[in-house]
Amino acid sequence: MTKEIASKIEINGETYIKESELKKQSKYKAFPVQILVLNRGWIVVGNVSESANKTIIQNAAVIRKWGTTKGLGELAIKGKLPDTILDACPDITVDTANVVLVMNCEQSKWA
């Protein structure tokens, strides 16, 4: 006798996916791309999640040069521009208290 286990379930119109199934998907797609301004002027972009008092940025890059004419918001809306310089780096974990600003990005432009 085999036992079939559902990988997702819908409750009150909301779909829930089993955590192990999320891990099988792309490592980063589960979390939105956001730009974060951190303490001491660091500006990073990546897939952001939170755990306890920590903010985790996966698929991370430090934004060394914005390359914009209309500020950081232009980068969030349009994605990486020709003059933008991103320095890829390993996943970043910071104390949430060190996050000064979080800017949501247009997800399709950062895919």
C-alpha atoms as a PDB file:
ATOM      1  CA  MET A   1       0.000   0.000   0.000  1.00  0.00           C
ATOM      2  CA  THR A   2       1.416   3.382  -0.971  1.00  0.00           C
ATOM      3  CA  LYS A   3       0.714   6.587   0.828  1.00  0.00           C
ATOM      4  CA  GLU A   4       0.394   9.769  -1.216  1.00  0.00           C
ATOM      5  CA  ILE A   5       1.253  13.012   0.515  1.00  0.00           C
ATOM      6  CA  ALA A   6       0.067  16.320  -0.902  1.00  0.00           C
ATOM      7  CA  SER A   7       2.800  18.838  -1.660  1.00  0.00           C
ATOM      8  CA  LYS A   8       0.397  21.786  -1.499  1.00  0.00           C
ATOM      9  CA  ILE A   9      -2.970  22.548   0.037  1.00  0.00           C
ATOM     10  CA  GLU A  10      -5.481  25.350  -0.349  1.00  0.00           C
ATOM     11  CA  ILE A  11      -7.189  26.827   2.704  1.00  0.00           C
ATOM     12  CA  ASN A  12      -9.642  29.709   2.425  1.00  0.00           C
ATOM     13  CA  GLY A  13      -8.377  30.555  -1.053  1.00  0.00           C
ATOM     14  CA  GLU A  14      -4.711  30.666   0.049  1.00  0.00           C
ATOM     15  CA  THR A  15      -2.290  28.042  -1.320  1.00  0.00           C
ATOM     16  CA  TYR A  16       0.312  26.606   1.037  1.00  0.00           C
ATOM     17  CA  ILE A  17       3.338  24.679  -0.239  1.00  0.00           C
ATOM     18  CA  LYS A  18       5.282  22.097   1.700  1.00  0.00           C
ATOM     19  CA  GLU A  19       8.672  23.451   2.842  1.00  0.00           C
ATOM     20  CA  SER A  20      10.557  20.527   1.296  1.00  0.00           C
ATOM     21  CA  GLU A  21       8.957  21.330  -2.063  1.00  0.00           C
ATOM     22  CA  LEU A  22      10.159  24.925  -1.831  1.00  0.00           C
ATOM     23  CA  LYS A  23      13.694  23.682  -1.300  1.00  0.00           C
ATOM     24  CA  LYS A  24      13.431  21.668  -4.523  1.00  0.00           C
ATOM     25  CA  GLN A  25      12.584  24.855  -6.429  1.00  0.00           C
ATOM     26  CA  SER A  26      15.098  27.560  -7.185  1.00  0.00           C
ATOM     27  CA  LYS A  27      17.018  28.441  -4.070  1.00  0.00           C
ATOM     28  CA  TYR A  28      16.068  32.112  -4.374  1.00  0.00           C
ATOM     29  CA  LYS A  29      12.644  32.413  -5.988  1.00  0.00           C
ATOM     30  CA  ALA A  30      10.778  31.945  -2.711  1.00  0.00           C
ATOM     31  CA  PHE A  31      11.875  35.388  -1.487  1.00  0.00           C
ATOM     32  CA  PRO A  32      11.330  38.766  -3.161  1.00  0.00           C
ATOM     33  CA  VAL A  33      14.165  40.831  -4.602  1.00  0.00           C
ATOM     34  CA  GLN A  34      14.647  43.967  -2.540  1.00  0.00           C
ATOM     35  CA  ILE A  35      17.229  46.709  -2.189  1.00  0.00           C
ATOM     36  CA  LEU A  36      18.362  47.280   1.385  1.00  0.00           C
ATOM     37  CA  VAL A  37      20.221  50.249   2.775  1.00  0.00           C
ATOM     38  CA  LEU A  38      22.216  49.017   5.751  1.00  0.00           C
ATOM     39  CA  ASN A  39      23.972  50.773   8.576  1.00  0.00           C
ATOM     40  CA  ARG A  40      27.201  52.570   7.617  1.00  0.00           C
ATOM     41  CA  GLY A  41      26.071  53.139   4.029  1.00  0.00           C
ATOM     42  CA  TRP A  42      26.141  49.608   2.611  1.00  0.00           C
ATOM     43  CA  ILE A  43      23.538  49.132  -0.120  1.00  0.00           C
ATOM     44  CA  VAL A  44      22.740  45.587  -1.165  1.00  0.00           C
ATOM     45  CA  VAL A  45      20.274  43.822  -3.423  1.00  0.00           C
ATOM     46  CA  GLY A  46      19.053  40.251  -3.320  1.00  0.00           C
ATOM     47  CA  ASN A  47      16.333  37.851  -2.269  1.00  0.00           C
ATOM     48  CA  VAL A  48      15.385  38.928   1.246  1.00  0.00           C
ATOM     49  CA  SER A  49      13.898  36.926   4.088  1.00  0.00           C
ATOM     50  CA  GLU A  50      13.742  37.377   7.839  1.00  0.00           C
ATOM     51  CA  SER A  51      14.360  34.959  10.667  1.00  0.00           C
ATOM     52  CA  ALA A  52      14.037  36.016  14.318  1.00  0.00           C
ATOM     53  CA  ASN A  53      16.092  39.233  14.574  1.00  0.00           C
ATOM     54  CA  LYS A  54      18.118  38.504  11.428  1.00  0.00           C
ATOM     55  CA  THR A  55      17.628  39.641   7.844  1.00  0.00           C
ATOM     56  CA  ILE A  56      19.028  37.236   5.254  1.00  0.00           C
ATOM     57  CA  ILE A  57      19.918  38.343   1.730  1.00  0.00           C
ATOM     58  CA  GLN A  58      20.462  35.455  -0.697  1.00  0.00           C
ATOM     59  CA  ASN A  59      21.745  35.809  -4.253  1.00  0.00           C
ATOM     60  CA  ALA A  60      23.273  38.982  -2.862  1.00  0.00           C
ATOM     61  CA  ALA A  61      25.235  41.804  -4.440  1.00  0.00           C
ATOM     62  CA  VAL A  62      26.631  45.046  -3.073  1.00  0.00           C
ATOM     63  CA  ILE A  63      25.552  47.983  -5.238  1.00  0.00           C
ATOM     64  CA  ARG A  64      28.885  49.757  -5.720  1.00  0.00           C
ATOM     65  CA  LYS A  65      27.600  52.225  -8.344  1.00  0.00           C
ATOM     66  CA  TRP A  66      23.931  52.962  -8.907  1.00  0.00           C
ATOM     67  CA  GLY A  67      24.360  54.182 -12.487  1.00  0.00           C
ATOM     68  CA  THR A  68      21.059  56.056 -12.333  1.00  0.00           C
ATOM     69  CA  THR A  69      19.905  59.601 -13.028  1.00  0.00           C
ATOM     70  CA  LYS A  70      16.822  59.389 -10.786  1.00  0.00           C
ATOM     71  CA  GLY A  71      18.165  57.775  -7.632  1.00  0.00           C
ATOM     72  CA  LEU A  72      17.894  54.373  -6.068  1.00  0.00           C
ATOM     73  CA  GLY A  73      14.194  54.069  -6.882  1.00  0.00           C
ATOM     74  CA  GLU A  74      15.033  54.020 -10.590  1.00  0.00           C
ATOM     75  CA  LEU A  75      17.222  50.972  -9.984  1.00  0.00           C
ATOM     76  CA  ALA A  76      14.422  49.225  -8.083  1.00  0.00           C
ATOM     77  CA  ILE A  77      11.945  49.876 -10.898  1.00  0.00           C
ATOM     78  CA  LYS A  78      14.150  49.332 -13.963  1.00  0.00           C
ATOM     79  CA  GLY A  79      16.636  46.741 -12.690  1.00  0.00           C
ATOM     80  CA  LYS A  80      20.376  46.859 -13.361  1.00  0.00           C
ATOM     81  CA  LEU A  81      21.245  49.663 -15.769  1.00  0.00           C
ATOM     82  CA  PRO A  82      24.245  49.876 -18.156  1.00  0.00           C
ATOM     83  CA  ASP A  83      26.253  52.025 -15.708  1.00  0.00           C
ATOM     84  CA  THR A  84      25.265  50.052 -12.592  1.00  0.00           C
ATOM     85  CA  ILE A  85      28.060  48.107 -10.896  1.00  0.00           C
ATOM     86  CA  LEU A  86      27.029  45.145  -8.741  1.00  0.00           C
ATOM     87  CA  ASP A  87      29.594  43.197  -6.750  1.00  0.00           C
ATOM     88  CA  ALA A  88      28.289  39.655  -6.287  1.00  0.00           C
ATOM     89  CA  CYS A  89      28.908  38.216  -2.841  1.00  0.00           C
ATOM     90  CA  PRO A  90      27.916  35.245  -0.687  1.00  0.00           C
ATOM     91  CA  ASP A  91      24.642  35.287   1.235  1.00  0.00           C
ATOM     92  CA  ILE A  92      24.500  38.133   3.767  1.00  0.00           C
ATOM     93  CA  THR A  93      23.015  37.956   7.261  1.00  0.00           C
ATOM     94  CA  VAL A  94      22.592  41.153   9.287  1.00  0.00           C
ATOM     95  CA  ASP A  95      20.839  42.080  12.492  1.00  0.00           C
ATOM     96  CA  THR A  96      17.474  43.492  11.457  1.00  0.00           C
ATOM     97  CA  ALA A  97      18.225  46.586  13.578  1.00  0.00           C
ATOM     98  CA  ASN A  98      20.955  47.463  11.043  1.00  0.00           C
ATOM     99  CA  VAL A  99      18.484  47.727   8.154  1.00  0.00           C
ATOM    100  CA  VAL A 100      17.786  51.414   7.547  1.00  0.00           C
ATOM    101  CA  LEU A 101      15.539  51.127   4.476  1.00  0.00           C
ATOM    102  CA  VAL A 102      13.933  48.351   2.422  1.00  0.00           C
ATOM    103  CA  MET A 103      12.885  49.069  -1.164  1.00  0.00           C
ATOM    104  CA  ASN A 104      10.746  46.596  -3.094  1.00  0.00           C
ATOM    105  CA  CYS A 105      12.003  45.894  -6.597  1.00  0.00           C
ATOM    106  CA  GLU A 106      10.129  45.200  -9.811  1.00  0.00           C
ATOM    107  CA  GLN A 107      10.602  41.423  -9.701  1.00  0.00           C
ATOM    108  CA  SER A 108      10.553  40.881 -13.474  1.00  0.00           C
ATOM    109  CA  LYS A 109      13.440  43.356 -13.955  1.00  0.00           C
ATOM    110  CA  TRP A 110      15.662  41.497 -11.475  1.00  0.00           C
ATOM    111  CA  ALA A 111      14.927  37.944 -12.666  1.00  0.00           C
END
